């Protein structure tokens, strides 16, 4: 299974529970698939951002690799 297929499967499983990916999640997935960032890098950056800002609001807009 490719990484793209795995991401689609995860989204499908979440959809069964009523969850839909948001813009940030889709941007991170696209950046990972294009090789601009790894899942680990994205997670590490999100944790640091959340600790500093007490929210993820604005995270995607501050990351050039997610644009």
C-alpha atoms as a PDB file:
ATOM      1  CA  UNK A   1       0.000   0.000   0.000  1.00  0.00           C
ATOM      2  CA  UNK A   2       1.371   3.409  -0.919  1.00  0.00           C
ATOM      3  CA  UNK A   3       1.405   6.324   1.475  1.00  0.00           C
ATOM      4  CA  UNK A   4      -1.290   8.066  -0.595  1.00  0.00           C
ATOM      5  CA  UNK A   5      -3.494   4.969  -0.430  1.00  0.00           C
ATOM      6  CA  UNK A   6      -2.968   4.738   3.322  1.00  0.00           C
ATOM      7  CA  UNK A   7      -3.962   8.386   3.756  1.00  0.00           C
ATOM      8  CA  UNK A   8      -7.129   7.812   1.701  1.00  0.00           C
ATOM      9  CA  UNK A   9      -7.964   4.779   3.817  1.00  0.00           C
ATOM     10  CA  UNK A  10      -7.503   6.739   7.047  1.00  0.00           C
ATOM     11  CA  UNK A  11      -9.767   9.507   5.711  1.00  0.00           C
ATOM     12  CA  UNK A  12     -12.388   6.910   4.726  1.00  0.00           C
ATOM     13  CA  UNK A  13     -12.316   5.330   8.186  1.00  0.00           C
ATOM     14  CA  UNK A  14     -12.708   8.728   9.842  1.00  0.00           C
ATOM     15  CA  UNK A  15     -15.543   9.587   7.431  1.00  0.00           C
ATOM     16  CA  UNK A  16     -17.429   6.520   8.671  1.00  0.00           C
ATOM     17  CA  UNK A  17     -17.343   8.165  12.095  1.00  0.00           C
ATOM     18  CA  UNK A  18     -18.533  11.500  10.714  1.00  0.00           C
ATOM     19  CA  UNK A  19     -15.161  13.250  10.581  1.00  0.00           C
ATOM     20  CA  UNK A  20     -13.970  15.121   7.506  1.00  0.00           C
ATOM     21  CA  UNK A  21     -10.385  16.318   6.934  1.00  0.00           C
ATOM     22  CA  UNK A  22      -9.930  20.053   7.368  1.00  0.00           C
ATOM     23  CA  UNK A  23      -7.796  22.341   5.222  1.00  0.00           C
ATOM     24  CA  UNK A  24      -4.768  21.969   7.512  1.00  0.00           C
ATOM     25  CA  UNK A  25      -4.924  18.178   7.420  1.00  0.00           C
ATOM     26  CA  UNK A  26      -5.205  18.173   3.638  1.00  0.00           C
ATOM     27  CA  UNK A  27      -2.288  20.636   3.322  1.00  0.00           C
ATOM     28  CA  UNK A  28      -0.102  18.468   5.552  1.00  0.00           C
ATOM     29  CA  UNK A  29      -1.014  15.342   3.575  1.00  0.00           C
ATOM     30  CA  UNK A  30      -0.138  17.106   0.306  1.00  0.00           C
ATOM     31  CA  UNK A  31       3.183  18.346   1.707  1.00  0.00           C
ATOM     32  CA  UNK A  32       4.061  14.854   2.959  1.00  0.00           C
ATOM     33  CA  UNK A  33       3.167  13.227  -0.359  1.00  0.00           C
ATOM     34  CA  UNK A  34       5.236  15.776  -2.286  1.00  0.00           C
ATOM     35  CA  UNK A  35       8.228  15.225  -0.012  1.00  0.00           C
ATOM     36  CA  UNK A  36       8.335  18.770   1.346  1.00  0.00           C
ATOM     37  CA  UNK A  37       7.937  17.523   4.924  1.00  0.00           C
ATOM     38  CA  UNK A  38       7.705  14.213   6.766  1.00  0.00           C
ATOM     39  CA  UNK A  39       4.846  13.262   9.062  1.00  0.00           C
ATOM     40  CA  UNK A  40       7.275  13.474  11.968  1.00  0.00           C
ATOM     41  CA  UNK A  41       8.463  16.951  11.027  1.00  0.00           C
ATOM     42  CA  UNK A  42       4.897  18.200  10.680  1.00  0.00           C
ATOM     43  CA  UNK A  43       3.921  16.717  14.037  1.00  0.00           C
ATOM     44  CA  UNK A  44       6.979  18.184  15.778  1.00  0.00           C
ATOM     45  CA  UNK A  45       6.307  21.632  14.315  1.00  0.00           C
ATOM     46  CA  UNK A  46       2.631  21.456  15.285  1.00  0.00           C
ATOM     47  CA  UNK A  47       3.496  20.562  18.889  1.00  0.00           C
ATOM     48  CA  UNK A  48       5.986  23.434  19.190  1.00  0.00           C
ATOM     49  CA  UNK A  49       3.529  25.880  17.596  1.00  0.00           C
ATOM     50  CA  UNK A  50       0.683  24.746  19.864  1.00  0.00           C
ATOM     51  CA  UNK A  51       2.829  25.076  22.976  1.00  0.00           C
ATOM     52  CA  UNK A  52       3.834  28.599  22.000  1.00  0.00           C
ATOM     53  CA  UNK A  53       0.438  29.817  20.748  1.00  0.00           C
ATOM     54  CA  UNK A  54      -1.903  27.613  22.806  1.00  0.00           C
ATOM     55  CA  UNK A  55      -3.725  26.852  19.551  1.00  0.00           C
ATOM     56  CA  UNK A  56      -3.114  25.640  16.009  1.00  0.00           C
ATOM     57  CA  UNK A  57      -4.896  28.688  14.589  1.00  0.00           C
ATOM     58  CA  UNK A  58      -2.593  30.170  11.974  1.00  0.00           C
ATOM     59  CA  UNK A  59      -0.205  27.206  11.892  1.00  0.00           C
ATOM     60  CA  UNK A  60      -0.740  26.377   8.225  1.00  0.00           C
ATOM     61  CA  UNK A  61      -0.359  29.979   7.173  1.00  0.00           C
ATOM     62  CA  UNK A  62       3.025  30.241   8.908  1.00  0.00           C
ATOM     63  CA  UNK A  63       4.530  27.173   7.223  1.00  0.00           C
ATOM     64  CA  UNK A  64       5.872  27.763   3.724  1.00  0.00           C
ATOM     65  CA  UNK A  65       6.118  24.007   3.100  1.00  0.00           C
ATOM     66  CA  UNK A  66       2.342  23.678   3.522  1.00  0.00           C
ATOM     67  CA  UNK A  67       1.472  26.258   0.895  1.00  0.00           C
END
